[in-house]
N, C-alpha and C. Protein backbone atom coordinates (compact mmCIF):
# COMPACT_ATOMS: atom_id res chain seq x y z
N MET A 1 128.91 64.95 78.47
CA MET A 1 129.89 65.98 78.76
C MET A 1 129.72 67.18 77.82
N GLY A 2 129.62 66.94 76.52
CA GLY A 2 129.54 68.03 75.56
C GLY A 2 128.14 68.61 75.40
N MET A 3 127.10 67.80 75.62
CA MET A 3 125.75 68.26 75.34
C MET A 3 125.31 69.37 76.29
N GLU A 4 125.72 69.32 77.56
CA GLU A 4 125.33 70.38 78.48
C GLU A 4 125.96 71.70 78.04
N ARG A 5 127.10 71.63 77.37
CA ARG A 5 127.72 72.85 76.86
C ARG A 5 126.82 73.48 75.79
N PHE A 6 126.25 72.66 74.93
CA PHE A 6 125.38 73.18 73.88
C PHE A 6 124.07 73.70 74.45
N ALA A 7 123.60 73.09 75.53
CA ALA A 7 122.38 73.58 76.18
C ALA A 7 122.63 74.99 76.70
N PHE A 8 123.79 75.23 77.31
CA PHE A 8 124.14 76.56 77.78
C PHE A 8 124.20 77.54 76.61
N TRP A 9 124.77 77.09 75.49
CA TRP A 9 124.91 77.94 74.33
C TRP A 9 123.54 78.37 73.82
N ARG A 10 122.59 77.44 73.78
CA ARG A 10 121.25 77.77 73.29
C ARG A 10 120.55 78.74 74.24
N ARG A 11 120.76 78.57 75.55
CA ARG A 11 120.11 79.45 76.52
C ARG A 11 120.72 80.84 76.53
N SER A 12 121.96 80.97 76.07
CA SER A 12 122.64 82.26 76.19
C SER A 12 122.07 83.31 75.23
N GLY A 13 121.24 82.88 74.27
CA GLY A 13 120.60 83.84 73.38
C GLY A 13 121.51 84.36 72.28
N THR A 14 122.59 83.68 71.99
CA THR A 14 123.52 84.15 70.97
C THR A 14 123.40 83.31 69.71
N MET A 15 122.19 83.03 69.30
CA MET A 15 121.97 82.15 68.16
C MET A 15 122.11 82.85 66.81
N ARG A 16 122.40 84.15 66.81
CA ARG A 16 122.55 84.86 65.54
C ARG A 16 123.75 84.29 64.78
N PRO A 17 123.54 83.84 63.55
CA PRO A 17 124.66 83.27 62.81
C PRO A 17 125.69 84.35 62.46
N MET A 18 126.96 83.96 62.52
CA MET A 18 128.04 84.89 62.18
C MET A 18 128.46 84.69 60.74
N ARG A 19 128.83 85.76 60.10
CA ARG A 19 129.39 85.66 58.75
C ARG A 19 130.84 85.20 58.87
N GLY A 20 131.42 84.77 57.75
CA GLY A 20 132.77 84.21 57.74
C GLY A 20 133.82 85.11 58.35
N ASN A 21 133.87 86.38 57.93
CA ASN A 21 134.90 87.30 58.44
C ASN A 21 134.71 87.58 59.92
N GLU A 22 133.46 87.72 60.34
CA GLU A 22 133.17 87.97 61.75
C GLU A 22 133.58 86.77 62.61
N LEU A 23 133.30 85.59 62.11
CA LEU A 23 133.65 84.36 62.81
C LEU A 23 135.16 84.26 63.02
N VAL A 24 135.92 84.51 61.98
CA VAL A 24 137.38 84.42 62.06
C VAL A 24 137.93 85.54 62.95
N ALA A 25 137.38 86.75 62.85
CA ALA A 25 137.86 87.87 63.67
C ALA A 25 137.61 87.60 65.16
N LYS A 26 136.42 87.06 65.50
CA LYS A 26 136.13 86.74 66.90
C LYS A 26 137.04 85.63 67.41
N ALA A 27 137.27 84.63 66.57
CA ALA A 27 138.15 83.53 66.97
C ALA A 27 139.58 84.03 67.19
N ASP A 28 140.05 84.93 66.33
CA ASP A 28 141.39 85.48 66.47
C ASP A 28 141.51 86.30 67.75
N ALA A 29 140.49 87.09 68.05
CA ALA A 29 140.51 87.91 69.27
C ALA A 29 140.54 87.02 70.52
N LEU A 30 139.73 85.97 70.53
CA LEU A 30 139.71 85.06 71.67
C LEU A 30 141.03 84.31 71.79
N ALA A 31 141.61 83.89 70.67
CA ALA A 31 142.90 83.19 70.69
C ALA A 31 144.00 84.11 71.21
N ARG A 32 143.97 85.38 70.80
CA ARG A 32 144.97 86.34 71.30
C ARG A 32 144.89 86.48 72.82
N ARG A 33 143.67 86.58 73.35
CA ARG A 33 143.50 86.69 74.81
C ARG A 33 143.94 85.39 75.50
N ALA A 34 143.58 84.26 74.93
CA ALA A 34 143.89 82.97 75.56
C ALA A 34 145.39 82.68 75.59
N HIS A 35 146.11 83.13 74.56
CA HIS A 35 147.53 82.80 74.45
C HIS A 35 148.45 83.99 74.72
N ARG A 36 147.90 85.07 75.29
CA ARG A 36 148.71 86.27 75.57
C ARG A 36 149.89 85.90 76.48
N GLY A 37 151.08 86.25 76.04
CA GLY A 37 152.29 86.00 76.82
C GLY A 37 152.82 84.58 76.73
N GLN A 38 152.10 83.68 76.09
CA GLN A 38 152.54 82.29 75.99
C GLN A 38 153.59 82.13 74.90
N ARG A 39 154.54 81.27 75.16
CA ARG A 39 155.58 80.99 74.17
C ARG A 39 155.66 79.49 73.94
N ARG A 40 156.05 79.13 72.73
CA ARG A 40 156.29 77.72 72.42
C ARG A 40 157.69 77.35 72.90
N LYS A 41 158.03 76.08 72.82
CA LYS A 41 159.32 75.61 73.32
C LYS A 41 160.50 76.28 72.60
N ASN A 42 160.29 76.68 71.34
CA ASN A 42 161.37 77.33 70.60
C ASN A 42 161.43 78.83 70.85
N GLY A 43 160.55 79.35 71.70
CA GLY A 43 160.59 80.76 72.06
C GLY A 43 159.65 81.66 71.28
N GLU A 44 159.03 81.16 70.22
CA GLU A 44 158.13 82.00 69.42
C GLU A 44 156.79 82.16 70.15
N PRO A 45 156.08 83.26 69.89
CA PRO A 45 154.75 83.43 70.50
C PRO A 45 153.81 82.30 70.08
N PHE A 46 153.04 81.80 71.01
CA PHE A 46 152.15 80.67 70.73
C PHE A 46 151.10 81.03 69.68
N ILE A 47 150.67 82.30 69.67
CA ILE A 47 149.64 82.73 68.72
C ILE A 47 150.09 82.52 67.29
N ASP A 48 151.40 82.55 67.03
CA ASP A 48 151.91 82.33 65.67
C ASP A 48 151.56 80.92 65.19
N HIS A 49 151.62 79.94 66.09
CA HIS A 49 151.29 78.56 65.71
C HIS A 49 149.83 78.45 65.28
N VAL A 50 148.91 78.96 66.08
CA VAL A 50 147.49 78.82 65.73
C VAL A 50 147.15 79.62 64.48
N ARG A 51 147.82 80.73 64.26
CA ARG A 51 147.59 81.50 63.03
C ARG A 51 148.13 80.78 61.80
N ARG A 52 149.24 80.09 61.93
CA ARG A 52 149.76 79.30 60.79
C ARG A 52 148.81 78.15 60.46
N VAL A 53 148.27 77.52 61.50
CA VAL A 53 147.31 76.43 61.28
C VAL A 53 146.07 77.00 60.59
N ALA A 54 145.61 78.16 61.03
CA ALA A 54 144.43 78.79 60.40
C ALA A 54 144.71 79.15 58.94
N ALA A 55 145.91 79.57 58.64
CA ALA A 55 146.25 79.91 57.26
C ALA A 55 146.31 78.68 56.36
N ALA A 56 146.50 77.52 56.95
CA ALA A 56 146.62 76.28 56.16
C ALA A 56 145.29 75.64 55.82
N VAL A 57 144.18 76.10 56.41
CA VAL A 57 142.86 75.53 56.12
C VAL A 57 142.06 76.52 55.30
N ARG A 58 140.90 76.07 54.79
CA ARG A 58 140.20 76.88 53.78
C ARG A 58 139.01 77.67 54.27
N SER A 59 138.01 77.00 54.82
CA SER A 59 136.74 77.67 55.11
C SER A 59 136.83 78.53 56.37
N PRO A 60 135.94 79.52 56.51
CA PRO A 60 135.94 80.34 57.72
C PRO A 60 135.73 79.52 59.01
N LYS A 61 134.89 78.48 58.95
CA LYS A 61 134.68 77.64 60.13
C LYS A 61 135.97 76.89 60.48
N GLU A 62 136.66 76.37 59.47
CA GLU A 62 137.93 75.69 59.71
C GLU A 62 138.95 76.66 60.31
N LYS A 63 138.98 77.89 59.79
CA LYS A 63 139.91 78.89 60.31
C LYS A 63 139.59 79.24 61.76
N ALA A 64 138.31 79.36 62.09
CA ALA A 64 137.91 79.66 63.47
C ALA A 64 138.32 78.51 64.40
N VAL A 65 138.07 77.28 63.98
CA VAL A 65 138.45 76.11 64.79
C VAL A 65 139.97 76.07 64.95
N ALA A 66 140.70 76.36 63.88
CA ALA A 66 142.16 76.35 63.95
C ALA A 66 142.68 77.39 64.94
N LEU A 67 142.09 78.56 64.94
CA LEU A 67 142.52 79.61 65.87
C LEU A 67 142.22 79.23 67.31
N LEU A 68 141.16 78.46 67.52
CA LEU A 68 140.72 78.12 68.88
C LEU A 68 141.18 76.75 69.35
N HIS A 69 141.84 75.97 68.50
CA HIS A 69 142.07 74.55 68.81
C HIS A 69 142.92 74.32 70.07
N ASP A 70 143.75 75.26 70.46
CA ASP A 70 144.55 75.09 71.69
C ASP A 70 144.12 76.05 72.80
N ALA A 71 143.08 76.84 72.57
CA ALA A 71 142.70 77.88 73.53
C ALA A 71 142.28 77.32 74.88
N VAL A 72 141.55 76.21 74.88
CA VAL A 72 141.07 75.63 76.14
C VAL A 72 142.13 74.73 76.76
N GLU A 73 142.74 73.88 75.94
CA GLU A 73 143.70 72.91 76.46
C GLU A 73 145.01 73.55 76.92
N LYS A 74 145.54 74.47 76.12
CA LYS A 74 146.86 75.04 76.43
C LYS A 74 146.82 76.52 76.76
N GLY A 75 145.71 77.18 76.46
CA GLY A 75 145.59 78.60 76.72
C GLY A 75 144.81 78.88 77.99
N ARG A 76 144.40 80.13 78.14
CA ARG A 76 143.67 80.54 79.34
C ARG A 76 142.17 80.71 79.10
N ALA A 77 141.65 80.11 78.06
CA ALA A 77 140.21 80.20 77.78
C ALA A 77 139.51 78.99 78.40
N ASP A 78 138.22 79.14 78.61
CA ASP A 78 137.42 77.98 79.01
C ASP A 78 136.20 77.91 78.11
N TRP A 79 135.40 76.88 78.32
CA TRP A 79 134.26 76.64 77.42
C TRP A 79 133.26 77.78 77.46
N LYS A 80 133.08 78.39 78.61
CA LYS A 80 132.13 79.50 78.72
C LYS A 80 132.54 80.66 77.83
N ASP A 81 133.84 80.87 77.66
CA ASP A 81 134.31 81.94 76.77
C ASP A 81 133.87 81.69 75.33
N LEU A 82 133.96 80.44 74.90
CA LEU A 82 133.54 80.10 73.54
C LEU A 82 132.04 80.28 73.36
N PHE A 83 131.26 79.86 74.36
CA PHE A 83 129.80 80.01 74.26
C PHE A 83 129.39 81.47 74.35
N ALA A 84 130.04 82.22 75.23
CA ALA A 84 129.69 83.63 75.39
C ALA A 84 130.00 84.42 74.11
N ALA A 85 131.02 84.01 73.38
CA ALA A 85 131.36 84.69 72.13
C ALA A 85 130.36 84.37 71.02
N GLY A 86 129.54 83.33 71.22
CA GLY A 86 128.50 83.01 70.25
C GLY A 86 128.96 82.17 69.07
N PHE A 87 129.99 81.38 69.25
CA PHE A 87 130.44 80.53 68.15
C PHE A 87 129.40 79.46 67.85
N PRO A 88 129.23 79.09 66.58
CA PRO A 88 128.25 78.07 66.21
C PRO A 88 128.57 76.73 66.88
N PRO A 89 127.56 75.91 67.13
CA PRO A 89 127.79 74.62 67.79
C PRO A 89 128.80 73.73 67.09
N GLU A 90 128.81 73.73 65.75
CA GLU A 90 129.76 72.85 65.06
C GLU A 90 131.21 73.30 65.27
N VAL A 91 131.43 74.61 65.46
CA VAL A 91 132.78 75.10 65.75
C VAL A 91 133.19 74.68 67.16
N VAL A 92 132.30 74.87 68.13
CA VAL A 92 132.60 74.50 69.52
C VAL A 92 132.81 72.98 69.62
N SER A 93 131.99 72.23 68.91
CA SER A 93 132.12 70.78 68.92
C SER A 93 133.46 70.34 68.34
N ALA A 94 133.90 70.97 67.26
CA ALA A 94 135.19 70.62 66.66
C ALA A 94 136.34 71.00 67.60
N VAL A 95 136.23 72.14 68.28
CA VAL A 95 137.26 72.53 69.25
C VAL A 95 137.30 71.51 70.38
N GLU A 96 136.13 71.03 70.79
CA GLU A 96 136.08 70.02 71.85
C GLU A 96 136.76 68.74 71.40
N ARG A 97 136.58 68.36 70.13
CA ARG A 97 137.23 67.17 69.59
C ARG A 97 138.75 67.34 69.53
N LEU A 98 139.21 68.58 69.41
CA LEU A 98 140.64 68.87 69.33
C LEU A 98 141.27 69.18 70.68
N THR A 99 140.50 69.05 71.74
CA THR A 99 140.99 69.27 73.10
C THR A 99 141.19 67.93 73.77
N ARG A 100 142.42 67.63 74.11
CA ARG A 100 142.74 66.33 74.71
C ARG A 100 142.21 66.27 76.14
N ARG A 101 141.56 65.18 76.44
CA ARG A 101 140.97 64.98 77.77
C ARG A 101 142.01 64.43 78.74
N PRO A 102 141.80 64.64 80.04
CA PRO A 102 142.73 64.08 81.01
C PRO A 102 142.76 62.55 80.90
N ARG A 103 143.94 61.98 80.98
CA ARG A 103 144.18 60.53 80.93
C ARG A 103 143.76 59.89 79.61
N GLU A 104 143.60 60.68 78.56
CA GLU A 104 143.26 60.14 77.24
C GLU A 104 144.56 59.88 76.48
N SER A 105 144.66 58.71 75.88
CA SER A 105 145.87 58.42 75.11
C SER A 105 145.90 59.30 73.86
N TYR A 106 147.09 59.55 73.36
CA TYR A 106 147.23 60.39 72.18
C TYR A 106 146.52 59.77 70.98
N GLU A 107 146.62 58.45 70.84
CA GLU A 107 145.98 57.77 69.71
C GLU A 107 144.47 57.90 69.78
N ALA A 108 143.90 57.74 70.97
CA ALA A 108 142.44 57.89 71.13
C ALA A 108 142.01 59.32 70.84
N PHE A 109 142.83 60.27 71.26
CA PHE A 109 142.55 61.68 71.01
C PHE A 109 142.52 61.97 69.51
N VAL A 110 143.49 61.46 68.78
CA VAL A 110 143.54 61.70 67.33
C VAL A 110 142.36 61.01 66.63
N ARG A 111 142.01 59.80 67.06
CA ARG A 111 140.85 59.10 66.47
C ARG A 111 139.57 59.90 66.72
N ARG A 112 139.44 60.46 67.92
CA ARG A 112 138.24 61.24 68.25
C ARG A 112 138.18 62.50 67.39
N ALA A 113 139.32 63.14 67.18
CA ALA A 113 139.36 64.34 66.34
C ALA A 113 139.06 64.00 64.88
N ALA A 114 139.52 62.84 64.43
CA ALA A 114 139.33 62.46 63.02
C ALA A 114 137.89 62.12 62.69
N ALA A 115 137.06 61.89 63.68
CA ALA A 115 135.68 61.48 63.43
C ALA A 115 134.80 62.62 62.91
N VAL A 116 135.24 63.86 63.08
CA VAL A 116 134.47 65.02 62.61
C VAL A 116 135.28 65.71 61.52
N PRO A 117 134.73 65.84 60.30
CA PRO A 117 135.51 66.42 59.19
C PRO A 117 136.12 67.79 59.49
N LEU A 118 135.38 68.64 60.20
CA LEU A 118 135.89 69.98 60.53
C LEU A 118 137.12 69.87 61.44
N ALA A 119 137.07 69.00 62.43
CA ALA A 119 138.20 68.80 63.34
C ALA A 119 139.35 68.09 62.63
N ARG A 120 139.02 67.17 61.76
CA ARG A 120 140.04 66.41 61.02
C ARG A 120 140.92 67.32 60.17
N ALA A 121 140.29 68.24 59.45
CA ALA A 121 141.04 69.17 58.59
C ALA A 121 142.00 70.02 59.42
N VAL A 122 141.53 70.48 60.57
CA VAL A 122 142.37 71.31 61.44
C VAL A 122 143.49 70.48 62.07
N LYS A 123 143.19 69.25 62.49
CA LYS A 123 144.22 68.39 63.09
C LYS A 123 145.32 68.09 62.09
N LEU A 124 144.96 67.86 60.84
CA LEU A 124 145.97 67.63 59.80
C LEU A 124 146.89 68.85 59.66
N ALA A 125 146.30 70.04 59.60
CA ALA A 125 147.09 71.26 59.49
C ALA A 125 147.95 71.48 60.74
N ASP A 126 147.41 71.16 61.90
CA ASP A 126 148.14 71.29 63.16
C ASP A 126 149.36 70.36 63.17
N LEU A 127 149.15 69.11 62.76
CA LEU A 127 150.25 68.15 62.72
C LEU A 127 151.31 68.56 61.70
N GLU A 128 150.88 69.07 60.54
CA GLU A 128 151.84 69.51 59.54
C GLU A 128 152.69 70.66 60.05
N ASP A 129 152.08 71.58 60.80
CA ASP A 129 152.85 72.68 61.38
C ASP A 129 153.82 72.15 62.44
N SER A 130 153.37 71.20 63.23
CA SER A 130 154.23 70.64 64.28
C SER A 130 155.36 69.79 63.70
N LEU A 131 155.18 69.25 62.51
CA LEU A 131 156.22 68.43 61.88
C LEU A 131 157.28 69.26 61.13
N ASP A 132 157.06 70.56 61.03
CA ASP A 132 158.02 71.42 60.33
C ASP A 132 159.29 71.56 61.18
N LEU A 133 160.37 70.98 60.72
CA LEU A 133 161.62 70.96 61.49
C LEU A 133 162.22 72.35 61.69
N ARG A 134 161.81 73.32 60.89
CA ARG A 134 162.32 74.68 61.06
C ARG A 134 161.83 75.30 62.36
N ARG A 135 160.82 74.72 62.98
CA ARG A 135 160.24 75.27 64.21
C ARG A 135 161.03 74.86 65.46
N TYR A 136 162.04 74.02 65.30
CA TYR A 136 162.78 73.50 66.45
C TYR A 136 164.17 74.11 66.51
N ASN A 137 164.57 74.58 67.70
CA ASN A 137 165.93 75.09 67.89
C ASN A 137 166.93 73.95 67.96
N GLN A 138 166.57 72.91 68.66
CA GLN A 138 167.42 71.73 68.77
C GLN A 138 166.54 70.50 68.83
N LEU A 139 167.07 69.39 68.38
CA LEU A 139 166.30 68.16 68.35
C LEU A 139 166.97 67.12 69.26
N GLY A 140 166.44 67.02 70.47
CA GLY A 140 166.91 66.02 71.41
C GLY A 140 165.99 64.81 71.36
N PRO A 141 166.21 63.85 72.25
CA PRO A 141 165.38 62.64 72.25
C PRO A 141 163.89 62.92 72.46
N LYS A 142 163.54 63.89 73.30
CA LYS A 142 162.12 64.22 73.52
C LYS A 142 161.48 64.75 72.24
N GLU A 143 162.21 65.61 71.56
CA GLU A 143 161.67 66.19 70.33
C GLU A 143 161.49 65.13 69.25
N TRP A 144 162.47 64.20 69.14
CA TRP A 144 162.34 63.13 68.14
C TRP A 144 161.17 62.21 68.47
N THR A 145 160.95 61.94 69.74
CA THR A 145 159.81 61.12 70.15
C THR A 145 158.50 61.81 69.78
N ARG A 146 158.42 63.11 70.06
CA ARG A 146 157.21 63.88 69.72
C ARG A 146 157.00 63.92 68.21
N LEU A 147 158.07 64.15 67.46
CA LEU A 147 157.97 64.18 65.99
C LEU A 147 157.50 62.82 65.46
N HIS A 148 158.03 61.75 66.01
CA HIS A 148 157.64 60.40 65.59
C HIS A 148 156.14 60.18 65.84
N ARG A 149 155.68 60.57 67.02
CA ARG A 149 154.25 60.42 67.36
C ARG A 149 153.38 61.26 66.43
N HIS A 150 153.80 62.51 66.18
CA HIS A 150 153.03 63.38 65.28
C HIS A 150 153.01 62.83 63.86
N TYR A 151 154.14 62.30 63.40
CA TYR A 151 154.21 61.77 62.05
C TYR A 151 153.26 60.58 61.88
N HIS A 152 153.24 59.68 62.86
CA HIS A 152 152.35 58.52 62.75
C HIS A 152 150.88 58.94 62.82
N ALA A 153 150.57 59.94 63.62
CA ALA A 153 149.20 60.44 63.67
C ALA A 153 148.82 61.07 62.33
N TRP A 154 149.73 61.86 61.76
CA TRP A 154 149.48 62.49 60.46
C TRP A 154 149.27 61.43 59.39
N GLN A 155 150.14 60.42 59.39
CA GLN A 155 150.03 59.33 58.42
C GLN A 155 148.67 58.63 58.53
N GLY A 156 148.25 58.37 59.75
CA GLY A 156 146.95 57.72 59.97
C GLY A 156 145.79 58.55 59.47
N LEU A 157 145.86 59.88 59.66
CA LEU A 157 144.79 60.75 59.18
C LEU A 157 144.77 60.85 57.67
N VAL A 158 145.94 60.87 57.06
CA VAL A 158 146.01 60.98 55.60
C VAL A 158 145.54 59.69 54.94
N ARG A 159 145.91 58.56 55.51
CA ARG A 159 145.55 57.28 54.90
C ARG A 159 144.13 56.84 55.18
N ALA A 160 143.57 57.25 56.31
CA ALA A 160 142.23 56.80 56.69
C ALA A 160 141.20 57.42 55.75
N PRO A 161 140.22 56.65 55.33
CA PRO A 161 139.19 57.22 54.46
C PRO A 161 138.35 58.22 55.23
N GLN A 162 138.01 59.30 54.56
CA GLN A 162 137.17 60.30 55.20
C GLN A 162 135.74 59.83 55.18
N LYS A 163 135.02 60.17 56.24
CA LYS A 163 133.61 59.82 56.28
C LYS A 163 132.87 60.77 55.34
N LYS A 164 132.08 60.19 54.48
CA LYS A 164 131.29 61.00 53.57
C LYS A 164 129.90 61.16 54.14
N ARG A 165 129.26 62.23 53.73
CA ARG A 165 127.89 62.43 54.17
C ARG A 165 127.01 61.31 53.64
N ALA A 166 126.06 60.93 54.42
CA ALA A 166 125.15 59.87 53.99
C ALA A 166 124.36 60.35 52.78
N LYS A 167 124.31 59.52 51.78
CA LYS A 167 123.56 59.88 50.58
C LYS A 167 122.08 59.63 50.84
N VAL A 168 121.28 60.49 50.27
CA VAL A 168 119.84 60.31 50.38
C VAL A 168 119.47 59.16 49.46
N PRO A 169 118.75 58.17 49.98
CA PRO A 169 118.41 57.04 49.11
C PRO A 169 117.52 57.50 47.97
N PRO A 170 117.66 56.88 46.79
CA PRO A 170 116.83 57.29 45.66
C PRO A 170 115.36 56.96 45.93
N ARG A 171 114.52 57.71 45.25
CA ARG A 171 113.08 57.44 45.39
C ARG A 171 112.77 56.05 44.87
N PRO A 172 111.84 55.38 45.52
CA PRO A 172 111.48 54.05 45.00
C PRO A 172 110.80 54.19 43.65
N LYS A 173 111.19 53.33 42.73
CA LYS A 173 110.58 53.35 41.40
C LYS A 173 109.19 52.75 41.49
N ALA A 174 108.40 53.00 40.48
CA ALA A 174 107.05 52.42 40.46
C ALA A 174 107.19 50.92 40.57
N GLN A 175 106.43 50.35 41.48
CA GLN A 175 106.57 48.92 41.73
C GLN A 175 106.07 48.13 40.52
N ALA A 176 106.86 47.15 40.17
CA ALA A 176 106.47 46.27 39.07
C ALA A 176 105.32 45.40 39.54
N LYS A 177 104.43 45.11 38.64
CA LYS A 177 103.28 44.29 39.01
C LYS A 177 103.74 42.87 39.29
N THR A 178 103.32 42.37 40.41
CA THR A 178 103.62 40.99 40.75
C THR A 178 102.49 40.12 40.23
N LYS A 179 102.67 38.83 40.29
CA LYS A 179 101.63 37.91 39.82
C LYS A 179 100.34 38.12 40.58
N ALA A 180 100.46 38.35 41.90
CA ALA A 180 99.26 38.53 42.71
C ALA A 180 98.53 39.81 42.33
N SER A 181 99.30 40.92 42.14
CA SER A 181 98.64 42.17 41.81
C SER A 181 98.09 42.14 40.38
N ALA A 182 98.70 41.35 39.48
CA ALA A 182 98.20 41.22 38.11
C ALA A 182 96.93 40.39 38.09
N LYS A 183 96.80 39.42 39.00
CA LYS A 183 95.61 38.57 39.04
C LYS A 183 94.41 39.30 39.61
N ALA A 184 94.62 40.25 40.49
CA ALA A 184 93.51 40.94 41.15
C ALA A 184 92.59 41.63 40.14
N PRO A 185 93.10 42.42 39.18
CA PRO A 185 92.19 43.04 38.22
C PRO A 185 91.51 42.02 37.32
N ALA A 186 92.19 40.92 37.00
CA ALA A 186 91.58 39.88 36.16
C ALA A 186 90.41 39.24 36.88
N LYS A 187 90.54 39.00 38.19
CA LYS A 187 89.44 38.42 38.97
C LYS A 187 88.28 39.39 39.03
N ALA A 188 88.59 40.67 39.19
CA ALA A 188 87.53 41.66 39.26
C ALA A 188 86.76 41.73 37.93
N LYS A 189 87.48 41.63 36.80
CA LYS A 189 86.82 41.64 35.50
C LYS A 189 85.98 40.40 35.32
N ALA A 190 86.46 39.28 35.77
CA ALA A 190 85.70 38.01 35.64
C ALA A 190 84.41 38.08 36.45
N LYS A 191 84.48 38.66 37.65
CA LYS A 191 83.27 38.80 38.47
C LYS A 191 82.29 39.75 37.82
N ALA A 192 82.80 40.81 37.19
CA ALA A 192 81.92 41.77 36.55
C ALA A 192 81.20 41.17 35.37
N ARG A 193 81.79 40.20 34.66
CA ARG A 193 81.18 39.58 33.51
C ARG A 193 80.05 38.65 33.94
N ARG A 194 80.15 38.05 35.10
CA ARG A 194 79.14 37.10 35.54
C ARG A 194 77.90 37.77 35.83
């Protein structure tokens, strides 16, 4: 499903790497277009949510993913928009991890997002923003159920160990001489003496 998207990205000729500020500016522009006129349940513009999530993460790639994390699922953007804008594959891949698939359980969705460090950082910030009670006008049973689900997902992400990059194995040390390798030169010397 995701690999054909990257094939399109490579064919589009937009392989020029973006600098941090350019990456964030393009992501913000695309998020503004995707969420134009959209409002959250409390009435605030939807773009405010993705910008708060972007402000809560550190690197330019994390900020770009945060700005785009709801663009495909809840906004009016599609995957071709992301590829046409020339976002790096790791950004598009993280956005894909943060986009819930049809008929996917919420728990499976969060586990899939947590598998990629870039997506994991953004999902944590997204959940923290969603757990802020100041964002709710009223708290009915639906809102409490959603908050409960978000809290357990956040707890799982915080407690789960992060995957670390695989360490490069150390170089093999000079092999110690074994009995067989120690005997070989002795035999050669004995033959030379004869």
